[in-house]
Structures are given as C-alpha cells and as structure tokens.
PDB file of N, CA and C in Angstrom:
ATOM      1  N   MET A   1      93.129  20.760  -1.779  1.00  0.00           N
ATOM      2  CA  MET A   1      93.634  20.874  -3.117  1.00  0.00           C
ATOM      3  C   MET A   1      93.714  22.348  -3.498  1.00  0.00           C
ATOM      4  N   ASN A   2      94.856  22.727  -4.025  1.00  0.00           N
ATOM      5  CA  ASN A   2      95.022  24.060  -4.594  1.00  0.00           C
ATOM      6  C   ASN A   2      94.815  23.968  -6.092  1.00  0.00           C
ATOM      7  N   ILE A   3      94.083  24.937  -6.646  1.00  0.00           N
ATOM      8  CA  ILE A   3      93.799  24.968  -8.079  1.00  0.00           C
ATOM      9  C   ILE A   3      94.147  26.352  -8.592  1.00  0.00           C
ATOM     10  N   THR A   4      95.021  26.404  -9.594  1.00  0.00           N
ATOM     11  CA  THR A   4      95.392  27.664 -10.216  1.00  0.00           C
ATOM     12  C   THR A   4      94.833  27.683 -11.628  1.00  0.00           C
ATOM     13  N   THR A   5      94.198  28.777 -11.995  1.00  0.00           N
ATOM     14  CA  THR A   5      93.656  28.935 -13.348  1.00  0.00           C
ATOM     15  C   THR A   5      94.265  30.168 -13.977  1.00  0.00           C
ATOM     16  N   THR A   6      94.800  29.987 -15.179  1.00  0.00           N
ATOM     17  CA  THR A   6      95.359  31.096 -15.946  1.00  0.00           C
ATOM     18  C   THR A   6      94.673  31.116 -17.300  1.00  0.00           C
ATOM     19  N   ILE A   7      94.165  32.270 -17.688  1.00  0.00           N
ATOM     20  CA  ILE A   7      93.514  32.407 -18.987  1.00  0.00           C
ATOM     21  C   ILE A   7      94.346  33.336 -19.849  1.00  0.00           C
ATOM     22  N   THR A   8      94.718  32.825 -21.019  1.00  0.00           N
ATOM     23  CA  THR A   8      95.460  33.603 -22.002  1.00  0.00           C
ATOM     24  C   THR A   8      94.692  33.521 -23.318  1.00  0.00           C
ATOM     25  N   GLY A   9      94.115  34.625 -23.727  1.00  0.00           N
ATOM     26  CA  GLY A   9      93.316  34.619 -24.946  1.00  0.00           C
ATOM     27  C   GLY A   9      92.113  33.708 -24.783  1.00  0.00           C
ATOM     28  N   THR A  10      92.046  32.676 -25.640  1.00  0.00           N
ATOM     29  CA  THR A  10      90.908  31.749 -25.597  1.00  0.00           C
ATOM     30  C   THR A  10      91.259  30.422 -24.929  1.00  0.00           C
ATOM     31  N   THR A  11      92.417  30.369 -24.265  1.00  0.00           N
ATOM     32  CA  THR A  11      92.857  29.130 -23.630  1.00  0.00           C
ATOM     33  C   THR A  11      92.975  29.308 -22.120  1.00  0.00           C
ATOM     34  N   ALA A  12      92.416  28.333 -21.403  1.00  0.00           N
ATOM     35  CA  ALA A  12      92.551  28.304 -19.945  1.00  0.00           C
ATOM     36  C   ALA A  12      93.494  27.164 -19.581  1.00  0.00           C
ATOM     37  N   ARG A  13      94.389  27.446 -18.658  1.00  0.00           N
ATOM     38  CA  ARG A  13      95.304  26.431 -18.126  1.00  0.00           C
ATOM     39  C   ARG A  13      94.938  26.249 -16.662  1.00  0.00           C
ATOM     40  N   ILE A  14      94.496  25.027 -16.320  1.00  0.00           N
ATOM     41  CA  ILE A  14      94.118  24.723 -14.939  1.00  0.00           C
ATOM     42  C   ILE A  14      95.176  23.795 -14.365  1.00  0.00           C
ATOM     43  N   THR A  15      95.741  24.211 -13.233  1.00  0.00           N
ATOM     44  CA  THR A  15      96.812  23.451 -12.584  1.00  0.00           C
ATOM     45  C   THR A  15      96.369  23.046 -11.187  1.00  0.00           C
ATOM     46  N   PRO A  16      95.946  21.782 -11.026  1.00  0.00           N
ATOM     47  CA  PRO A  16      95.639  21.308  -9.674  1.00  0.00           C
ATOM     48  C   PRO A  16      96.915  20.863  -8.977  1.00  0.00           C
ATOM     49  N   GLN A  17      96.948  21.034  -7.673  1.00  0.00           N
ATOM     50  CA  GLN A  17      98.096  20.587  -6.887  1.00  0.00           C
ATOM     51  C   GLN A  17      97.588  19.630  -5.819  1.00  0.00           C
ATOM     52  N   GLY A  18      98.128  18.416  -5.816  1.00  0.00           N
ATOM     53  CA  GLY A  18      97.708  17.414  -4.843  1.00  0.00           C
ATOM     54  C   GLY A  18      97.232  16.160  -5.524  1.00  0.00           C
ATOM     55  N   GLU A  19      96.015  15.719  -5.175  1.00  0.00           N
ATOM     56  CA  GLU A  19      95.457  14.484  -5.700  1.00  0.00           C
ATOM     57  C   GLU A  19      94.059  14.729  -6.254  1.00  0.00           C
ATOM     58  N   ILE A  20      93.710  13.975  -7.292  1.00  0.00           N
ATOM     59  CA  ILE A  20      92.336  14.001  -7.795  1.00  0.00           C
ATOM     60  C   ILE A  20      91.679  12.705  -7.343  1.00  0.00           C
ATOM     61  N   ASP A  21      90.610  12.869  -6.562  1.00  0.00           N
ATOM     62  CA  ASP A  21      89.832  11.733  -6.095  1.00  0.00           C
ATOM     63  C   ASP A  21      88.381  12.179  -5.971  1.00  0.00           C
ATOM     64  N   HIS A  22      87.572  11.341  -5.374  1.00  0.00           N
ATOM     65  CA  HIS A  22      86.142  11.626  -5.242  1.00  0.00           C
ATOM     66  C   HIS A  22      85.880  12.969  -4.557  1.00  0.00           C
ATOM     67  N   ASP A  23      86.691  13.310  -3.561  1.00  0.00           N
ATOM     68  CA  ASP A  23      86.480  14.547  -2.807  1.00  0.00           C
ATOM     69  C   ASP A  23      86.933  15.803  -3.548  1.00  0.00           C
ATOM     70  N   THR A  24      87.946  15.683  -4.386  1.00  0.00           N
ATOM     71  CA  THR A  24      88.469  16.866  -5.066  1.00  0.00           C
ATOM     72  C   THR A  24      87.876  17.067  -6.461  1.00  0.00           C
ATOM     73  N   LEU A  25      87.106  16.100  -6.940  1.00  0.00           N
ATOM     74  CA  LEU A  25      86.493  16.228  -8.265  1.00  0.00           C
ATOM     75  C   LEU A  25      85.499  17.385  -8.351  1.00  0.00           C
ATOM     76  N   PRO A  26      84.585  17.572  -7.392  1.00  0.00           N
ATOM     77  CA  PRO A  26      83.632  18.685  -7.499  1.00  0.00           C
ATOM     78  C   PRO A  26      84.274  20.069  -7.628  1.00  0.00           C
ATOM     79  N   PRO A  27      85.309  20.414  -6.828  1.00  0.00           N
ATOM     80  CA  PRO A  27      85.898  21.744  -7.021  1.00  0.00           C
ATOM     81  C   PRO A  27      86.583  21.904  -8.386  1.00  0.00           C
ATOM     82  N   LEU A  28      87.120  20.816  -8.910  1.00  0.00           N
ATOM     83  CA  LEU A  28      87.744  20.893 -10.239  1.00  0.00           C
ATOM     84  C   LEU A  28      86.690  21.116 -11.315  1.00  0.00           C
ATOM     85  N   ARG A  29      85.594  20.404 -11.218  1.00  0.00           N
ATOM     86  CA  ARG A  29      84.502  20.615 -12.178  1.00  0.00           C
ATOM     87  C   ARG A  29      83.936  22.024 -12.054  1.00  0.00           C
ATOM     88  N   ALA A  30      83.827  22.528 -10.830  1.00  0.00           N
ATOM     89  CA  ALA A  30      83.326  23.888 -10.623  1.00  0.00           C
ATOM     90  C   ALA A  30      84.266  24.914 -11.250  1.00  0.00           C
ATOM     91  N   THR A  31      85.562  24.641 -11.197  1.00  0.00           N
ATOM     92  CA  THR A  31      86.535  25.537 -11.826  1.00  0.00           C
ATOM     93  C   THR A  31      86.292  25.610 -13.332  1.00  0.00           C
ATOM     94  N   VAL A  32      86.052  24.475 -13.954  1.00  0.00           N
ATOM     95  CA  VAL A  32      85.763  24.445 -15.396  1.00  0.00           C
ATOM     96  C   VAL A  32      84.444  25.149 -15.677  1.00  0.00           C
ATOM     97  N   ASP A  33      83.441  24.917 -14.857  1.00  0.00           N
ATOM     98  CA  ASP A  33      82.129  25.533 -15.062  1.00  0.00           C
ATOM     99  C   ASP A  33      82.181  27.056 -14.985  1.00  0.00           C
ATOM    100  N   ARG A  34      83.147  27.600 -14.226  1.00  0.00           N
ATOM    101  CA  ARG A  34      83.267  29.059 -14.069  1.00  0.00           C
ATOM    102  C   ARG A  34      84.062  29.729 -15.184  1.00  0.00           C
ATOM    103  N   LEU A  35      84.626  28.945 -16.098  1.00  0.00           N
ATOM    104  CA  LEU A  35      85.399  29.566 -17.178  1.00  0.00           C
ATOM    105  C   LEU A  35      84.488  30.422 -18.045  1.00  0.00           C
ATOM    106  N   PRO A  36      85.010  31.550 -18.536  1.00  0.00           N
ATOM    107  CA  PRO A  36      84.192  32.409 -19.389  1.00  0.00           C
ATOM    108  C   PRO A  36      83.865  31.724 -20.723  1.00  0.00           C
ATOM    109  N   PRO A  37      82.765  32.110 -21.335  1.00  0.00           N
ATOM    110  CA  PRO A  37      82.325  31.471 -22.582  1.00  0.00           C
ATOM    111  C   PRO A  37      83.316  31.587 -23.736  1.00  0.00           C
ATOM    112  N   HIS A  38      84.174  32.603 -23.730  1.00  0.00           N
ATOM    113  CA  HIS A  38      85.107  32.764 -24.854  1.00  0.00           C
ATOM    114  C   HIS A  38      86.261  31.753 -24.821  1.00  0.00           C
ATOM    115  N   VAL A  39      86.400  31.013 -23.725  1.00  0.00           N
ATOM    116  CA  VAL A  39      87.473  30.021 -23.610  1.00  0.00           C
ATOM    117  C   VAL A  39      87.087  28.773 -24.407  1.00  0.00           C
ATOM    118  N   THR A  40      87.871  28.488 -25.446  1.00  0.00           N
ATOM    119  CA  THR A  40      87.606  27.331 -26.310  1.00  0.00           C
ATOM    120  C   THR A  40      88.662  26.239 -26.161  1.00  0.00           C
ATOM    121  N   GLY A  41      89.727  26.532 -25.459  1.00  0.00           N
ATOM    122  CA  GLY A  41      90.774  25.544 -25.213  1.00  0.00           C
ATOM    123  C   GLY A  41      91.003  25.395 -23.723  1.00  0.00           C
ATOM    124  N   LEU A  42      91.043  24.143 -23.266  1.00  0.00           N
ATOM    125  CA  LEU A  42      91.265  23.869 -21.852  1.00  0.00           C
ATOM    126  C   LEU A  42      92.468  22.948 -21.720  1.00  0.00           C
ATOM    127  N   MET A  43      93.505  23.440 -21.053  1.00  0.00           N
ATOM    128  CA  MET A  43      94.696  22.630 -20.825  1.00  0.00           C
ATOM    129  C   MET A  43      94.786  22.310 -19.339  1.00  0.00           C
ATOM    130  N   TRP A  44      94.844  21.019 -19.050  1.00  0.00           N
ATOM    131  CA  TRP A  44      95.074  20.559 -17.685  1.00  0.00           C
ATOM    132  C   TRP A  44      96.572  20.383 -17.507  1.00  0.00           C
ATOM    133  N   ASP A  45      97.170  21.178 -16.652  1.00  0.00           N
ATOM    134  CA  ASP A  45      98.596  21.055 -16.339  1.00  0.00           C
ATOM    135  C   ASP A  45      98.699  20.197 -15.088  1.00  0.00           C
ATOM    136  N   LEU A  46      99.119  18.943 -15.269  1.00  0.00           N
ATOM    137  CA  LEU A  46      99.125  17.982 -14.166  1.00  0.00           C
ATOM    138  C   LEU A  46     100.505  17.772 -13.566  1.00  0.00           C
ATOM    139  N   GLU A  47     101.406  18.713 -13.790  1.00  0.00           N
ATOM    140  CA  GLU A  47     102.766  18.598 -13.276  1.00  0.00           C
ATOM    141  C   GLU A  47     102.809  18.496 -11.752  1.00  0.00           C
ATOM    142  N   ARG A  48     101.859  19.133 -11.073  1.00  0.00           N
ATOM    143  CA  ARG A  48     101.852  19.134  -9.606  1.00  0.00           C
ATOM    144  C   ARG A  48     100.860  18.127  -9.025  1.00  0.00           C
ATOM    145  N   LEU A  49     100.363  17.243  -9.898  1.00  0.00           N
ATOM    146  CA  LEU A  49      99.428  16.215  -9.463  1.00  0.00           C
ATOM    147  C   LEU A  49     100.208  14.981  -9.060  1.00  0.00           C
ATOM    148  N   SER A  50     100.048  14.558  -7.812  1.00  0.00           N
ATOM    149  CA  SER A  50     100.802  13.399  -7.330  1.00  0.00           C
ATOM    150  C   SER A  50     100.054  12.087  -7.510  1.00  0.00           C
ATOM    151  N   PHE A  51      98.719  12.143  -7.589  1.00  0.00           N
ATOM    152  CA  PHE A  51      97.933  10.914  -7.677  1.00  0.00           C
ATOM    153  C   PHE A  51      96.563  11.232  -8.253  1.00  0.00           C
ATOM    154  N   THR A  52      96.039  10.282  -9.017  1.00  0.00           N
ATOM    155  CA  THR A  52      94.636  10.339  -9.409  1.00  0.00           C
ATOM    156  C   THR A  52      94.086   8.932  -9.475  1.00  0.00           C
ATOM    157  N   ASP A  53      92.797   8.820  -9.210  1.00  0.00           N
ATOM    158  CA  ASP A  53      92.124   7.542  -9.370  1.00  0.00           C
ATOM    159  C   ASP A  53      91.099   7.708 -10.484  1.00  0.00           C
ATOM    160  N   VAL A  54      90.076   6.903 -10.480  1.00  0.00           N
ATOM    161  CA  VAL A  54      89.077   6.953 -11.547  1.00  0.00           C
ATOM    162  C   VAL A  54      88.419   8.340 -11.644  1.00  0.00           C
ATOM    163  N   ALA A  55      88.449   9.112 -10.590  1.00  0.00           N
ATOM    164  CA  ALA A  55      87.898  10.473 -10.625  1.00  0.00           C
ATOM    165  C   ALA A  55      88.632  11.327 -11.665  1.00  0.00           C
ATOM    166  N   GLY A  56      89.934  11.121 -11.804  1.00  0.00           N
ATOM    167  CA  GLY A  56      90.685  11.847 -12.826  1.00  0.00           C
ATOM    168  C   GLY A  56      90.242  11.472 -14.217  1.00  0.00           C
ATOM    169  N   LEU A  57      89.937  10.189 -14.433  1.00  0.00           N
ATOM    170  CA  LEU A  57      89.417   9.759 -15.729  1.00  0.00           C
ATOM    171  C   LEU A  57      88.062  10.398 -15.992  1.00  0.00           C
ATOM    172  N   ARG A  58      87.225  10.466 -14.974  1.00  0.00           N
ATOM    173  CA  ARG A  58      85.913  11.102 -15.130  1.00  0.00           C
ATOM    174  C   ARG A  58      86.056  12.581 -15.469  1.00  0.00           C
ATOM    175  N   LEU A  59      87.021  13.229 -14.851  1.00  0.00           N
ATOM    176  CA  LEU A  59      87.245  14.645 -15.123  1.00  0.00           C
ATOM    177  C   LEU A  59      87.689  14.866 -16.563  1.00  0.00           C
ATOM    178  N   LEU A  60      88.648  14.075 -17.021  1.00  0.00           N
ATOM    179  CA  LEU A  60      89.219  14.273 -18.351  1.00  0.00           C
ATOM    180  C   LEU A  60      88.348  13.730 -19.481  1.00  0.00           C
ATOM    181  N   PHE A  61      87.594  12.662 -19.211  1.00  0.00           N
ATOM    182  CA  PHE A  61      86.830  12.015 -20.276  1.00  0.00           C
ATOM    183  C   PHE A  61      85.322  12.077 -20.071  1.00  0.00           C
ATOM    184  N   GLY A  62      84.888  12.666 -18.981  1.00  0.00           N
ATOM    185  CA  GLY A  62      83.458  12.720 -18.703  1.00  0.00           C
ATOM    186  C   GLY A  62      82.732  13.623 -19.676  1.00  0.00           C
ATOM    187  N   PRO A  63      81.417  13.597 -19.611  1.00  0.00           N
ATOM    188  CA  PRO A  63      80.635  14.443 -20.531  1.00  0.00           C
ATOM    189  C   PRO A  63      80.880  15.922 -20.258  1.00  0.00           C
ATOM    190  N   ALA A  64      80.817  16.683 -21.319  1.00  0.00           N
ATOM    191  CA  ALA A  64      80.964  18.138 -21.208  1.00  0.00           C
ATOM    192  C   ALA A  64      79.738  18.699 -20.482  1.00  0.00           C
ATOM    193  N   PRO A  65      79.902  19.832 -19.824  1.00  0.00           N
ATOM    194  CA  PRO A  65      78.741  20.445 -19.163  1.00  0.00           C
ATOM    195  C   PRO A  65      77.618  20.675 -20.166  1.00  0.00           C
ATOM    196  N   GLN A  66      76.387  20.537 -19.711  1.00  0.00           N
ATOM    197  CA  GLN A  66      75.225  20.701 -20.592  1.00  0.00           C
ATOM    198  C   GLN A  66      75.159  22.106 -21.177  1.00  0.00           C
ATOM    199  N   ALA A  67      75.378  23.085 -20.343  1.00  0.00           N
ATOM    200  CA  ALA A  67      75.365  24.469 -20.813  1.00  0.00           C
ATOM    201  C   ALA A  67      76.808  24.929 -20.968  1.00  0.00           C
ATOM    202  N   GLY A  68      77.046  25.718 -21.951  1.00  0.00           N
ATOM    203  CA  GLY A  68      78.393  26.236 -22.120  1.00  0.00           C
ATOM    204  C   GLY A  68      79.029  25.752 -23.404  1.00  0.00           C
ATOM    205  N   PRO A  69      80.147  26.352 -23.736  1.00  0.00           N
ATOM    206  CA  PRO A  69      80.791  26.067 -25.017  1.00  0.00           C
ATOM    207  C   PRO A  69      81.513  24.718 -25.035  1.00  0.00           C
ATOM    208  N   ARG A  70      81.696  24.201 -26.222  1.00  0.00           N
ATOM    209  CA  ARG A  70      82.545  23.029 -26.423  1.00  0.00           C
ATOM    210  C   ARG A  70      83.987  23.505 -26.320  1.00  0.00           C
ATOM    211  N   ARG A  71      84.804  22.737 -25.622  1.00  0.00           N
ATOM    212  CA  ARG A  71      86.206  23.113 -25.452  1.00  0.00           C
ATOM    213  C   ARG A  71      87.097  21.952 -25.847  1.00  0.00           C
ATOM    214  N   ARG A  72      88.183  22.270 -26.517  1.00  0.00           N
ATOM    215  CA  ARG A  72      89.192  21.265 -26.820  1.00  0.00           C
ATOM    216  C   ARG A  72      90.028  21.094 -25.561  1.00  0.00           C
ATOM    217  N   THR A  73      90.102  19.872 -25.056  1.00  0.00           N
ATOM    218  CA  THR A  73      90.803  19.590 -23.813  1.00  0.00           C
ATOM    219  C   THR A  73      92.103  18.856 -24.098  1.00  0.00           C
ATOM    220  N   THR A  74      93.199  19.353 -23.510  1.00  0.00           N
ATOM    221  CA  THR A  74      94.494  18.700 -23.620  1.00  0.00           C
ATOM    222  C   THR A  74      95.106  18.587 -22.224  1.00  0.00           C
ATOM    223  N   VAL A  75      96.148  17.766 -22.145  1.00  0.00           N
ATOM    224  CA  VAL A  75      96.832  17.532 -20.867  1.00  0.00           C
ATOM    225  C   VAL A  75      98.327  17.713 -21.072  1.00  0.00           C
ATOM    226  N   THR A  76      98.978  18.281 -20.082  1.00  0.00           N
ATOM    227  CA  THR A  76     100.427  18.433 -20.106  1.00  0.00           C
ATOM    228  C   THR A  76     100.963  18.128 -18.705  1.00  0.00           C
ATOM    229  N   GLY A  77     102.251  17.860 -18.624  1.00  0.00           N
ATOM    230  CA  GLY A  77     102.906  17.671 -17.338  1.00  0.00           C
ATOM    231  C   GLY A  77     102.556  16.379 -16.626  1.00  0.00           C
ATOM    232  N   LEU A  78     102.191  15.345 -17.375  1.00  0.00           N
ATOM    233  CA  LEU A  78     101.821  14.076 -16.733  1.00  0.00           C
ATOM    234  C   LEU A  78     103.001  13.454 -16.015  1.00  0.00           C
ATOM    235  N   ARG A  79     102.806  13.130 -14.753  1.00  0.00           N
ATOM    236  CA  ARG A  79     103.807  12.411 -13.972  1.00  0.00           C
ATOM    237  C   ARG A  79     103.499  10.920 -14.067  1.00  0.00           C
ATOM    238  N   ASP A  80     104.351  10.103 -13.471  1.00  0.00           N
ATOM    239  CA  ASP A  80     104.270   8.651 -13.641  1.00  0.00           C
ATOM    240  C   ASP A  80     102.905   8.049 -13.317  1.00  0.00           C
ATOM    241  N   GLN A  81     102.383   8.285 -12.134  1.00  0.00           N
ATOM    242  CA  GLN A  81     101.152   7.599 -11.740  1.00  0.00           C
ATOM    243  C   GLN A  81      99.959   8.011 -12.595  1.00  0.00           C
ATOM    244  N   PRO A  82      99.706   9.305 -12.811  1.00  0.00           N
ATOM    245  CA  PRO A  82      98.580   9.661 -13.685  1.00  0.00           C
ATOM    246  C   PRO A  82      98.763   9.144 -15.122  1.00  0.00           C
ATOM    247  N   LEU A  83      99.993   9.181 -15.624  1.00  0.00           N
ATOM    248  CA  LEU A  83     100.248   8.669 -16.968  1.00  0.00           C
ATOM    249  C   LEU A  83      99.969   7.178 -17.038  1.00  0.00           C
ATOM    250  N   GLN A  84     100.414   6.418 -16.042  1.00  0.00           N
ATOM    251  CA  GLN A  84     100.171   4.976 -16.036  1.00  0.00           C
ATOM    252  C   GLN A  84      98.673   4.667 -15.985  1.00  0.00           C
ATOM    253  N   LEU A  85      97.912   5.447 -15.222  1.00  0.00           N
ATOM    254  CA  LEU A  85      96.467   5.252 -15.170  1.00  0.00           C
ATOM    255  C   LEU A  85      95.841   5.508 -16.537  1.00  0.00           C
ATOM    256  N   LEU A  86      96.250   6.587 -17.195  1.00  0.00           N
ATOM    257  CA  LEU A  86      95.719   6.885 -18.530  1.00  0.00           C
ATOM    258  C   LEU A  86      96.075   5.797 -19.532  1.00  0.00           C
ATOM    259  N   LEU A  87      97.311   5.316 -19.486  1.00  0.00           N
ATOM    260  CA  LEU A  87      97.728   4.265 -20.411  1.00  0.00           C
ATOM    261  C   LEU A  87      96.966   2.965 -20.144  1.00  0.00           C
ATOM    262  N   LEU A  88      96.753   2.637 -18.886  1.00  0.00           N
ATOM    263  CA  LEU A  88      96.001   1.432 -18.548  1.00  0.00           C
ATOM    264  C   LEU A  88      94.554   1.548 -19.024  1.00  0.00           C
ATOM    265  N   ALA A  89      93.928   2.687 -18.777  1.00  0.00           N
ATOM    266  CA  ALA A  89      92.548   2.893 -19.222  1.00  0.00           C
ATOM    267  C   ALA A  89      92.457   2.825 -20.743  1.00  0.00           C
ATOM    268  N   THR A  90      93.429   3.405 -21.429  1.00  0.00           N
ATOM    269  CA  THR A  90      93.449   3.365 -22.893  1.00  0.00           C
ATOM    270  C   THR A  90      93.632   1.946 -23.394  1.00  0.00           C
ATOM    271  N   ASP A  91      94.480   1.194 -22.731  1.00  0.00           N
ATOM    272  CA  ASP A  91      94.743  -0.182 -23.132  1.00  0.00           C
ATOM    273  C   ASP A  91      93.508  -1.066 -22.926  1.00  0.00           C
ATOM    274  N   LEU A  92      92.832  -0.902 -21.794  1.00  0.00           N
ATOM    275  CA  LEU A  92      91.682  -1.746 -21.477  1.00  0.00           C
ATOM    276  C   LEU A  92      90.398  -1.321 -22.190  1.00  0.00           C
ATOM    277  N   PHE A  93      90.217  -0.023 -22.349  1.00  0.00           N
ATOM    278  CA  PHE A  93      88.983   0.516 -22.929  1.00  0.00           C
ATOM    279  C   PHE A  93      89.303   1.594 -23.963  1.00  0.00           C
ATOM    280  N   PRO A  94      89.894   1.219 -25.108  1.00  0.00           N
ATOM    281  CA  PRO A  94      90.386   2.219 -26.072  1.00  0.00           C
ATOM    282  C   PRO A  94      89.308   3.133 -26.653  1.00  0.00           C
ATOM    283  N   THR A  95      88.077   2.657 -26.778  1.00  0.00           N
ATOM    284  CA  THR A  95      87.052   3.539 -27.341  1.00  0.00           C
ATOM    285  C   THR A  95      86.544   4.557 -26.311  1.00  0.00           C
ATOM    286  N   ALA A  96      86.607   4.207 -25.042  1.00  0.00           N
ATOM    287  CA  ALA A  96      86.135   5.122 -23.996  1.00  0.00           C
ATOM    288  C   ALA A  96      87.211   6.118 -23.576  1.00  0.00           C
ATOM    289  N   TYR A  97      88.479   5.680 -23.594  1.00  0.00           N
ATOM    290  CA  TYR A  97      89.576   6.514 -23.116  1.00  0.00           C
ATOM    291  C   TYR A  97      90.612   6.664 -24.226  1.00  0.00           C
ATOM    292  N   ASP A  98      90.355   7.597 -25.120  1.00  0.00           N
ATOM    293  CA  ASP A  98      91.262   7.846 -26.238  1.00  0.00           C
ATOM    294  C   ASP A  98      92.270   8.909 -25.823  1.00  0.00           C
ATOM    295  N   ILE A  99      93.435   8.462 -25.415  1.00  0.00           N
ATOM    296  CA  ILE A  99      94.468   9.378 -24.913  1.00  0.00           C
ATOM    297  C   ILE A  99      94.959  10.333 -26.005  1.00  0.00           C
ATOM    298  N   THR A 100      94.849   9.930 -27.258  1.00  0.00           N
ATOM    299  CA  THR A 100      95.310  10.809 -28.341  1.00  0.00           C
ATOM    300  C   THR A 100      94.465  12.071 -28.435  1.00  0.00           C
ATOM    301  N   ARG A 101      93.265  12.035 -27.868  1.00  0.00           N
ATOM    302  CA  ARG A 101      92.435  13.242 -27.831  1.00  0.00           C
ATOM    303  C   ARG A 101      93.004  14.254 -26.839  1.00  0.00           C
ATOM    304  N   LEU A 102      93.575  13.740 -25.747  1.00  0.00           N
ATOM    305  CA  LEU A 102      94.128  14.613 -24.713  1.00  0.00           C
ATOM    306  C   LEU A 102      95.558  15.038 -25.005  1.00  0.00           C
ATOM    307  N   ILE A 103      96.297  14.133 -25.634  1.00  0.00           N
ATOM    308  CA  ILE A 103      97.704  14.391 -25.938  1.00  0.00           C
ATOM    309  C   ILE A 103      97.866  14.180 -27.441  1.00  0.00           C
ATOM    310  N   PRO A 104      97.556  15.186 -28.244  1.00  0.00           N
ATOM    311  CA  PRO A 104      97.511  15.010 -29.703  1.00  0.00           C
ATOM    312  C   PRO A 104      98.811  14.505 -30.320  1.00  0.00           C
ATOM    313  N   ASP A 105      99.945  14.791 -29.722  1.00  0.00           N
ATOM    314  CA  ASP A 105     101.223  14.386 -30.304  1.00  0.00           C
ATOM    315  C   ASP A 105     101.729  13.065 -29.741  1.00  0.00           C
ATOM    316  N   THR A 106     100.829  12.230 -29.210  1.00  0.00           N
ATOM    317  CA  THR A 106     101.220  10.954 -28.632  1.00  0.00           C
ATOM    318  C   THR A 106     101.740  10.026 -29.725  1.00  0.00           C
ATOM    319  N   PRO A 107     102.968   9.525 -29.597  1.00  0.00           N
ATOM    320  CA  PRO A 107     103.463   8.562 -30.584  1.00  0.00           C
ATOM    321  C   PRO A 107     102.621   7.289 -30.539  1.00  0.00           C
ATOM    322  N   ALA A 108     102.277   6.760 -31.704  1.00  0.00           N
ATOM    323  CA  ALA A 108     101.419   5.576 -31.780  1.00  0.00           C
ATOM    324  C   ALA A 108     102.015   4.399 -30.998  1.00  0.00           C
ATOM    325  N   GLY A 109     103.312   4.234 -30.998  1.00  0.00           N
ATOM    326  CA  GLY A 109     103.958   3.119 -30.297  1.00  0.00           C
ATOM    327  C   GLY A 109     103.773   3.177 -28.795  1.00  0.00           C
ATOM    328  N   LEU A 110     103.536   4.356 -28.251  1.00  0.00           N
ATOM    329  CA  LEU A 110     103.354   4.488 -26.816  1.00  0.00           C
ATOM    330  C   LEU A 110     102.091   3.767 -26.357  1.00  0.00           C
ATOM    331  N   LEU A 111     101.108   3.676 -27.249  1.00  0.00           N
ATOM    332  CA  LEU A 111      99.828   3.090 -26.877  1.00  0.00           C
ATOM    333  C   LEU A 111      99.759   1.599 -27.193  1.00  0.00           C
ATOM    334  N   THR A 112     100.833   1.037 -27.720  1.00  0.00           N
ATOM    335  CA  THR A 112     100.863  -0.384 -28.047  1.00  0.00           C
ATOM    336  C   THR A 112     101.088  -1.199 -26.785  1.00  0.00           C
ATOM    337  N   ARG A 113     100.272  -2.227 -26.615  1.00  0.00           N
ATOM    338  CA  ARG A 113     100.403  -3.083 -25.433  1.00  0.00           C
ATOM    339  C   ARG A 113     101.742  -3.809 -25.478  1.00  0.00           C
ATOM    340  N   ARG A 114     102.423  -3.808 -24.363  1.00  0.00           N
ATOM    341  CA  ARG A 114     103.718  -4.506 -24.243  1.00  0.00           C
ATOM    342  C   ARG A 114     103.518  -5.742 -23.385  1.00  0.00           C
ATOM    343  N   PRO A 115     104.210  -6.880 -23.729  1.00  0.00           N
ATOM    344  CA  PRO A 115     104.063  -8.099 -22.929  1.00  0.00           C
ATOM    345  C   PRO A 115     104.614  -7.956 -21.543  1.00  0.00           C
TER     346      PRO A 115
END
C-alpha cells in the first residue's frame, strides 16, 4: 500500500492507494499517529482506494488515539465499493456508523433504505 500525506495549514489529507484490509490497517493508523499536534482536520482521500473491508470501517469510525488532539475526520473521493460498504454499514447500524459525520454534505435521501 502506498500512502501519501499532505499537510496544508491545520488539515492533513491522507491518500491511500490500493486496498484497506487487516494487513494495511496498521500502517494507516501509524500515519495518523504521526500527524503533528496542530493538525485538527483529517481528510481521507479515497479516490485511489479500490477495496475496503471492515478494516476501513474501523479506520474511519474507530476510537481516536488516546494521546493526541481531537480531529474532525472527513472523506472524499469515494468509489463504488467503499461507498457501498459505508452505506450498508449506515443502513444496518446507523448509530455506530454515521456517514453524515464523514461526509457532512450528504443528502438525507441518500441514506434512506431503498426496497
């Protein structure tokens, strides 16, 4: 997995390339852990992400590191498979996986269950 990190002001943009799974989760978490304390915004750019499993949900919705600042986390560049996983998790477990926290401008109708 290739991981690119760009810091502009107080926002970090992390762009993983490849897949997020059990094996690639630790390096992604380590990337977040290495961010400087002044970074208060974290954007995951998932445009180059081809696949994620439950490890991606753990990364995006898991507990914040014990030490370090609170960061507002958002997601951009969602492709079909990661988006479908997020929508399914939101549909099945709405209190645990609140997609509106990650994508603040999500239209309410997008999260409505369809027959």
